[in-house]
């Protein structure tokens, strides 16, 4: 596809789902019209968090995880991309994660496109723009 097509068809958000979350999350995203891949599908199941972030940045993807290390790496390295969604839930069942994620995505889309760390908790969403000051 030429450069016109790349810019023109970029409306679909792309997600890289970390091993900390269920494969069901990737399936729910795909079934909802998003592009999603789980790190194990890329042969990256044992990759370091920094390698996963680098892959996501190169491929214009948002990382979805329950691992707090991703936010720490982004903050420390002062990265501008990729965006990361981090779940911090009392009950992290796949159904709960997926429900919260699908309801949050329309509200956090702009922040994700700009580069952000988004923390989804049971009753609130926190957004911090990148790079972290």
N, C-alpha and C. Protein backbone atom coordinates (compact mmCIF):
# COMPACT_ATOMS: atom_id res chain seq x y z
N UNK A 1 0.84 -1.17 0.00
CA UNK A 1 0.00 0.00 0.00
C UNK A 1 0.89 1.24 0.00
N UNK A 2 0.54 2.25 -0.75
CA UNK A 2 1.33 3.47 -0.83
C UNK A 2 1.15 4.35 0.38
N UNK A 3 1.84 5.48 0.36
CA UNK A 3 1.79 6.36 1.54
C UNK A 3 0.40 6.95 1.74
N UNK A 4 -0.37 7.15 0.67
CA UNK A 4 -1.73 7.65 0.83
C UNK A 4 -2.57 6.66 1.63
N UNK A 5 -2.46 5.37 1.27
CA UNK A 5 -3.24 4.34 1.94
C UNK A 5 -2.88 4.20 3.40
N UNK A 6 -1.60 4.31 3.73
CA UNK A 6 -1.19 4.15 5.12
C UNK A 6 -1.82 5.20 6.01
N UNK A 7 -1.82 6.44 5.58
CA UNK A 7 -2.42 7.50 6.38
C UNK A 7 -3.93 7.45 6.36
N UNK A 8 -4.48 7.07 5.23
CA UNK A 8 -5.92 7.10 5.03
C UNK A 8 -6.63 6.02 5.84
N UNK A 9 -6.03 4.85 5.98
CA UNK A 9 -6.70 3.74 6.63
C UNK A 9 -6.22 3.49 8.05
N UNK A 10 -5.70 4.49 8.74
CA UNK A 10 -5.12 4.30 10.06
C UNK A 10 -6.12 4.38 11.19
N UNK A 11 -7.39 4.28 10.91
CA UNK A 11 -8.39 4.46 11.97
C UNK A 11 -8.45 3.28 12.93
N UNK A 12 -8.00 2.12 12.53
CA UNK A 12 -8.04 0.95 13.40
C UNK A 12 -6.85 0.98 14.36
N UNK A 13 -7.16 0.93 15.64
CA UNK A 13 -6.09 0.86 16.63
C UNK A 13 -5.51 -0.55 16.62
N UNK A 14 -4.19 -0.62 16.87
CA UNK A 14 -3.50 -1.91 16.89
C UNK A 14 -2.97 -2.16 18.30
N UNK A 15 -3.15 -3.39 18.77
CA UNK A 15 -2.78 -3.73 20.14
C UNK A 15 -1.86 -4.93 20.19
N UNK A 16 -0.92 -4.85 21.12
CA UNK A 16 -0.02 -5.96 21.44
C UNK A 16 -0.36 -6.39 22.86
N UNK A 17 -0.94 -7.57 23.00
CA UNK A 17 -1.41 -8.06 24.30
C UNK A 17 -0.29 -8.87 24.95
N UNK A 18 0.09 -8.44 26.15
CA UNK A 18 1.16 -9.07 26.90
C UNK A 18 0.71 -10.42 27.46
N UNK A 19 1.68 -11.25 27.81
CA UNK A 19 1.40 -12.58 28.36
C UNK A 19 0.67 -12.50 29.71
N UNK A 20 0.73 -11.36 30.39
CA UNK A 20 0.07 -11.22 31.68
C UNK A 20 -1.46 -11.25 31.55
N UNK A 21 -1.96 -11.12 30.32
CA UNK A 21 -3.41 -11.14 30.10
C UNK A 21 -3.82 -12.36 29.30
N UNK A 22 -5.07 -12.71 29.43
CA UNK A 22 -5.63 -13.90 28.79
C UNK A 22 -5.66 -13.75 27.26
N UNK A 23 -5.53 -14.86 26.55
CA UNK A 23 -5.72 -14.83 25.10
C UNK A 23 -7.13 -14.35 24.72
N UNK A 24 -8.08 -14.48 25.65
CA UNK A 24 -9.45 -14.02 25.39
C UNK A 24 -9.48 -12.52 25.09
N UNK A 25 -8.57 -11.77 25.72
CA UNK A 25 -8.54 -10.31 25.49
C UNK A 25 -8.21 -10.03 24.03
N UNK A 26 -7.24 -10.72 23.49
CA UNK A 26 -6.89 -10.55 22.09
C UNK A 26 -8.08 -10.91 21.20
N UNK A 27 -8.77 -12.00 21.51
CA UNK A 27 -9.90 -12.43 20.70
C UNK A 27 -11.05 -11.43 20.75
N UNK A 28 -11.32 -10.88 21.93
CA UNK A 28 -12.39 -9.88 22.07
C UNK A 28 -12.06 -8.63 21.26
N UNK A 29 -10.80 -8.20 21.30
CA UNK A 29 -10.39 -7.04 20.51
C UNK A 29 -10.59 -7.31 19.01
N UNK A 30 -10.13 -8.46 18.55
CA UNK A 30 -10.28 -8.81 17.13
C UNK A 30 -11.76 -8.86 16.74
N UNK A 31 -12.58 -9.47 17.59
CA UNK A 31 -14.01 -9.57 17.30
C UNK A 31 -14.70 -8.22 17.32
N UNK A 32 -14.06 -7.22 17.95
CA UNK A 32 -14.62 -5.87 18.03
C UNK A 32 -14.07 -4.97 16.91
N UNK A 33 -13.29 -5.55 16.01
CA UNK A 33 -12.81 -4.79 14.86
C UNK A 33 -11.43 -4.17 15.00
N UNK A 34 -10.76 -4.46 16.09
CA UNK A 34 -9.40 -3.94 16.29
C UNK A 34 -8.37 -4.95 15.79
N UNK A 35 -7.18 -4.45 15.47
CA UNK A 35 -6.07 -5.34 15.17
C UNK A 35 -5.42 -5.68 16.51
N UNK A 36 -5.23 -6.96 16.77
CA UNK A 36 -4.64 -7.37 18.04
C UNK A 36 -3.84 -8.64 17.84
N UNK A 37 -2.71 -8.70 18.53
CA UNK A 37 -1.86 -9.89 18.51
C UNK A 37 -1.31 -10.07 19.92
N UNK A 38 -1.15 -11.30 20.32
CA UNK A 38 -0.58 -11.59 21.64
C UNK A 38 0.91 -11.88 21.45
N UNK A 39 1.73 -11.47 22.39
CA UNK A 39 3.18 -11.57 22.22
C UNK A 39 3.64 -12.98 21.86
N UNK A 40 2.98 -14.01 22.37
CA UNK A 40 3.39 -15.38 22.05
C UNK A 40 3.18 -15.71 20.57
N UNK A 41 2.23 -15.07 19.92
CA UNK A 41 2.02 -15.30 18.48
C UNK A 41 3.18 -14.76 17.65
N UNK A 42 3.95 -13.87 18.22
CA UNK A 42 5.10 -13.28 17.54
C UNK A 42 6.40 -13.96 17.95
N UNK A 43 6.29 -15.02 18.76
CA UNK A 43 7.49 -15.69 19.26
C UNK A 43 8.20 -14.87 20.32
N UNK A 44 7.45 -13.98 21.00
CA UNK A 44 8.04 -13.07 21.99
C UNK A 44 7.58 -13.36 23.41
N UNK A 45 7.11 -14.57 23.67
CA UNK A 45 6.57 -14.90 24.99
C UNK A 45 7.58 -14.70 26.11
N UNK A 46 8.85 -14.91 25.81
CA UNK A 46 9.89 -14.77 26.84
C UNK A 46 10.74 -13.51 26.64
N UNK A 47 10.27 -12.61 25.81
CA UNK A 47 11.02 -11.38 25.55
C UNK A 47 10.99 -10.45 26.76
N UNK A 48 12.00 -9.64 26.87
CA UNK A 48 12.06 -8.63 27.93
C UNK A 48 11.03 -7.54 27.62
N UNK A 49 10.55 -6.89 28.69
CA UNK A 49 9.55 -5.84 28.53
C UNK A 49 10.03 -4.76 27.56
N UNK A 50 11.28 -4.38 27.66
CA UNK A 50 11.82 -3.33 26.77
C UNK A 50 11.73 -3.76 25.30
N UNK A 51 11.98 -5.05 25.01
CA UNK A 51 11.88 -5.55 23.63
C UNK A 51 10.43 -5.50 23.13
N UNK A 52 9.50 -5.80 24.01
CA UNK A 52 8.09 -5.73 23.65
C UNK A 52 7.70 -4.28 23.37
N UNK A 53 8.16 -3.35 24.19
CA UNK A 53 7.87 -1.93 23.95
C UNK A 53 8.47 -1.47 22.63
N UNK A 54 9.68 -1.89 22.34
CA UNK A 54 10.33 -1.49 21.08
C UNK A 54 9.57 -2.03 19.88
N UNK A 55 9.11 -3.28 19.97
CA UNK A 55 8.33 -3.86 18.87
C UNK A 55 7.03 -3.06 18.68
N UNK A 56 6.35 -2.76 19.78
CA UNK A 56 5.09 -2.02 19.70
C UNK A 56 5.32 -0.63 19.11
N UNK A 57 6.39 0.04 19.51
CA UNK A 57 6.68 1.37 18.99
C UNK A 57 6.93 1.32 17.48
N UNK A 58 7.72 0.36 17.04
CA UNK A 58 8.04 0.24 15.60
C UNK A 58 6.81 -0.07 14.76
N UNK A 59 5.84 -0.75 15.36
CA UNK A 59 4.66 -1.19 14.62
C UNK A 59 3.40 -0.39 14.97
N UNK A 60 3.57 0.76 15.61
CA UNK A 60 2.46 1.66 15.96
C UNK A 60 1.34 0.92 16.70
N UNK A 61 1.75 0.17 17.74
CA UNK A 61 0.81 -0.60 18.53
C UNK A 61 0.77 -0.08 19.96
N UNK A 62 -0.33 -0.32 20.63
CA UNK A 62 -0.47 -0.04 22.06
C UNK A 62 -0.32 -1.35 22.80
N UNK A 63 0.51 -1.37 23.83
CA UNK A 63 0.70 -2.57 24.65
C UNK A 63 -0.41 -2.61 25.69
N UNK A 64 -0.99 -3.78 25.88
CA UNK A 64 -2.00 -3.99 26.94
C UNK A 64 -1.42 -5.03 27.89
N UNK A 65 -1.39 -4.70 29.19
CA UNK A 65 -0.72 -5.55 30.15
C UNK A 65 -1.32 -5.39 31.55
N UNK A 66 -0.87 -6.24 32.46
CA UNK A 66 -1.14 -6.08 33.88
C UNK A 66 0.18 -5.92 34.62
N UNK A 67 1.26 -5.75 33.88
CA UNK A 67 2.61 -5.66 34.41
C UNK A 67 3.02 -4.19 34.58
N UNK A 68 3.22 -3.78 35.81
CA UNK A 68 3.56 -2.38 36.10
C UNK A 68 4.93 -1.97 35.56
N UNK A 69 5.79 -2.93 35.28
CA UNK A 69 7.13 -2.61 34.78
C UNK A 69 7.09 -1.81 33.48
N UNK A 70 6.09 -2.02 32.65
CA UNK A 70 6.02 -1.30 31.38
C UNK A 70 5.93 0.21 31.61
N UNK A 71 5.10 0.62 32.54
CA UNK A 71 4.98 2.05 32.84
C UNK A 71 6.27 2.62 33.40
N UNK A 72 6.93 1.85 34.25
CA UNK A 72 8.21 2.29 34.81
C UNK A 72 9.26 2.48 33.73
N UNK A 73 9.34 1.55 32.79
CA UNK A 73 10.32 1.65 31.71
C UNK A 73 10.04 2.88 30.85
N UNK A 74 8.78 3.10 30.50
CA UNK A 74 8.42 4.26 29.69
C UNK A 74 8.78 5.56 30.40
N UNK A 75 8.49 5.62 31.69
CA UNK A 75 8.77 6.83 32.45
C UNK A 75 10.28 7.07 32.57
N UNK A 76 11.02 6.04 32.89
CA UNK A 76 12.46 6.16 33.09
C UNK A 76 13.18 6.51 31.79
N UNK A 77 12.77 5.89 30.70
CA UNK A 77 13.45 6.09 29.42
C UNK A 77 12.94 7.34 28.69
N UNK A 78 11.88 7.94 29.21
CA UNK A 78 11.28 9.15 28.62
C UNK A 78 10.81 8.91 27.18
N UNK A 79 10.29 7.71 26.91
CA UNK A 79 9.74 7.39 25.60
C UNK A 79 8.50 8.22 25.33
N UNK A 80 8.25 8.51 24.05
CA UNK A 80 7.02 9.19 23.63
C UNK A 80 5.99 8.19 23.12
N UNK A 81 6.46 7.03 22.73
CA UNK A 81 5.61 5.95 22.23
C UNK A 81 6.30 4.65 22.61
N UNK A 82 5.65 3.56 22.73
CA UNK A 82 4.23 3.32 22.46
C UNK A 82 3.38 3.66 23.68
N UNK A 83 2.10 3.75 23.44
CA UNK A 83 1.18 3.87 24.57
C UNK A 83 1.05 2.50 25.23
N UNK A 84 0.70 2.54 26.51
CA UNK A 84 0.52 1.31 27.27
C UNK A 84 -0.76 1.42 28.09
N UNK A 85 -1.56 0.36 28.06
CA UNK A 85 -2.72 0.24 28.94
C UNK A 85 -2.35 -0.79 30.00
N UNK A 86 -2.42 -0.37 31.27
CA UNK A 86 -2.06 -1.25 32.38
C UNK A 86 -3.31 -1.49 33.23
N UNK A 87 -3.62 -2.75 33.47
CA UNK A 87 -4.75 -3.09 34.33
C UNK A 87 -4.29 -3.31 35.76
N UNK A 88 -4.98 -2.64 36.69
CA UNK A 88 -4.75 -2.84 38.13
C UNK A 88 -6.12 -3.10 38.75
N UNK A 89 -6.49 -4.36 38.81
CA UNK A 89 -7.83 -4.74 39.24
C UNK A 89 -7.79 -5.68 40.43
N UNK A 90 -8.82 -5.56 41.28
CA UNK A 90 -8.94 -6.50 42.40
C UNK A 90 -9.32 -7.89 41.88
N UNK A 91 -10.15 -7.92 40.85
CA UNK A 91 -10.60 -9.18 40.25
C UNK A 91 -10.26 -9.16 38.77
N UNK A 92 -9.04 -9.62 38.41
CA UNK A 92 -8.60 -9.51 37.01
C UNK A 92 -9.05 -10.66 36.11
N UNK A 93 -10.30 -11.08 36.25
CA UNK A 93 -10.78 -12.16 35.38
C UNK A 93 -10.82 -11.64 33.94
N UNK A 94 -10.65 -12.53 32.96
CA UNK A 94 -10.69 -12.08 31.57
C UNK A 94 -11.97 -11.33 31.21
N UNK A 95 -13.11 -11.78 31.70
CA UNK A 95 -14.37 -11.11 31.38
C UNK A 95 -14.39 -9.68 31.93
N UNK A 96 -13.89 -9.50 33.15
CA UNK A 96 -13.85 -8.17 33.77
C UNK A 96 -12.88 -7.25 33.01
N UNK A 97 -11.70 -7.77 32.70
CA UNK A 97 -10.71 -7.01 31.93
C UNK A 97 -11.31 -6.59 30.59
N UNK A 98 -11.90 -7.53 29.88
CA UNK A 98 -12.43 -7.26 28.55
C UNK A 98 -13.57 -6.26 28.57
N UNK A 99 -14.44 -6.37 29.56
CA UNK A 99 -15.55 -5.43 29.69
C UNK A 99 -15.04 -4.01 29.93
N UNK A 100 -14.11 -3.86 30.87
CA UNK A 100 -13.55 -2.55 31.16
C UNK A 100 -12.80 -1.98 29.95
N UNK A 101 -12.04 -2.83 29.28
CA UNK A 101 -11.26 -2.40 28.12
C UNK A 101 -12.16 -1.88 27.01
N UNK A 102 -13.17 -2.66 26.64
CA UNK A 102 -14.04 -2.24 25.54
C UNK A 102 -14.82 -0.98 25.87
N UNK A 103 -15.20 -0.81 27.12
CA UNK A 103 -15.92 0.42 27.47
C UNK A 103 -14.99 1.62 27.53
N UNK A 104 -13.71 1.40 27.84
CA UNK A 104 -12.75 2.51 27.97
C UNK A 104 -12.19 2.97 26.63
N UNK A 105 -12.03 2.07 25.67
CA UNK A 105 -11.32 2.41 24.44
C UNK A 105 -11.84 3.66 23.71
N UNK A 106 -13.14 3.82 23.55
CA UNK A 106 -13.59 5.05 22.86
C UNK A 106 -13.18 6.33 23.62
N UNK A 107 -13.12 6.26 24.94
CA UNK A 107 -12.78 7.43 25.75
C UNK A 107 -11.29 7.71 25.79
N UNK A 108 -10.46 6.69 25.59
CA UNK A 108 -9.01 6.89 25.72
C UNK A 108 -8.29 6.87 24.38
N UNK A 109 -9.03 6.71 23.29
CA UNK A 109 -8.45 6.60 21.95
C UNK A 109 -7.50 7.75 21.64
N UNK A 110 -7.93 8.98 21.86
CA UNK A 110 -7.09 10.14 21.54
C UNK A 110 -5.81 10.14 22.35
N UNK A 111 -5.90 9.81 23.63
CA UNK A 111 -4.71 9.76 24.49
C UNK A 111 -3.75 8.69 24.01
N UNK A 112 -4.27 7.55 23.60
CA UNK A 112 -3.42 6.47 23.11
C UNK A 112 -2.69 6.88 21.83
N UNK A 113 -3.38 7.59 20.96
CA UNK A 113 -2.76 8.02 19.71
C UNK A 113 -1.65 9.03 19.94
N UNK A 114 -1.77 9.84 20.98
CA UNK A 114 -0.75 10.86 21.30
C UNK A 114 0.45 10.26 22.03
N UNK A 115 0.26 9.15 22.70
CA UNK A 115 1.30 8.53 23.51
C UNK A 115 1.01 8.73 24.98
N UNK A 116 0.55 7.69 25.65
CA UNK A 116 0.14 7.79 27.05
C UNK A 116 0.30 6.47 27.78
N UNK A 117 0.40 6.59 29.09
CA UNK A 117 0.26 5.44 29.98
C UNK A 117 -1.15 5.55 30.54
N UNK A 118 -1.96 4.53 30.30
CA UNK A 118 -3.34 4.53 30.78
C UNK A 118 -3.45 3.40 31.80
N UNK A 119 -3.86 3.74 33.01
CA UNK A 119 -4.04 2.74 34.06
C UNK A 119 -5.55 2.58 34.27
N UNK A 120 -6.02 1.37 34.03
CA UNK A 120 -7.44 1.08 34.23
C UNK A 120 -7.58 0.32 35.54
N UNK A 121 -8.32 0.94 36.46
CA UNK A 121 -8.61 0.33 37.76
C UNK A 121 -10.09 -0.01 37.79
N UNK A 122 -10.53 -0.63 38.87
CA UNK A 122 -11.93 -1.06 38.95
C UNK A 122 -12.92 0.09 38.76
N UNK A 123 -12.62 1.26 39.34
CA UNK A 123 -13.60 2.34 39.31
C UNK A 123 -13.06 3.64 38.75
N UNK A 124 -11.88 3.61 38.12
CA UNK A 124 -11.37 4.84 37.53
C UNK A 124 -10.30 4.51 36.49
N UNK A 125 -10.05 5.52 35.65
CA UNK A 125 -9.01 5.43 34.64
C UNK A 125 -8.09 6.62 34.84
N UNK A 126 -6.78 6.34 34.92
CA UNK A 126 -5.79 7.42 35.02
C UNK A 126 -4.98 7.46 33.73
N UNK A 127 -4.75 8.66 33.24
CA UNK A 127 -4.01 8.83 31.98
C UNK A 127 -2.86 9.77 32.23
N UNK A 128 -1.68 9.35 31.79
CA UNK A 128 -0.48 10.17 31.91
C UNK A 128 0.17 10.26 30.54
N UNK A 129 0.31 11.47 30.02
CA UNK A 129 0.90 11.66 28.71
C UNK A 129 2.39 11.32 28.71
N UNK A 130 2.88 10.92 27.54
CA UNK A 130 4.30 10.62 27.36
C UNK A 130 4.96 11.75 26.58
N UNK A 131 6.23 12.02 26.80
CA UNK A 131 7.06 11.39 27.82
C UNK A 131 6.68 11.90 29.21
N UNK A 132 6.90 11.07 30.22
CA UNK A 132 6.62 11.44 31.60
C UNK A 132 7.68 12.45 32.04
N UNK A 133 7.25 13.60 32.57
CA UNK A 133 8.23 14.63 32.98
C UNK A 133 9.10 14.18 34.14
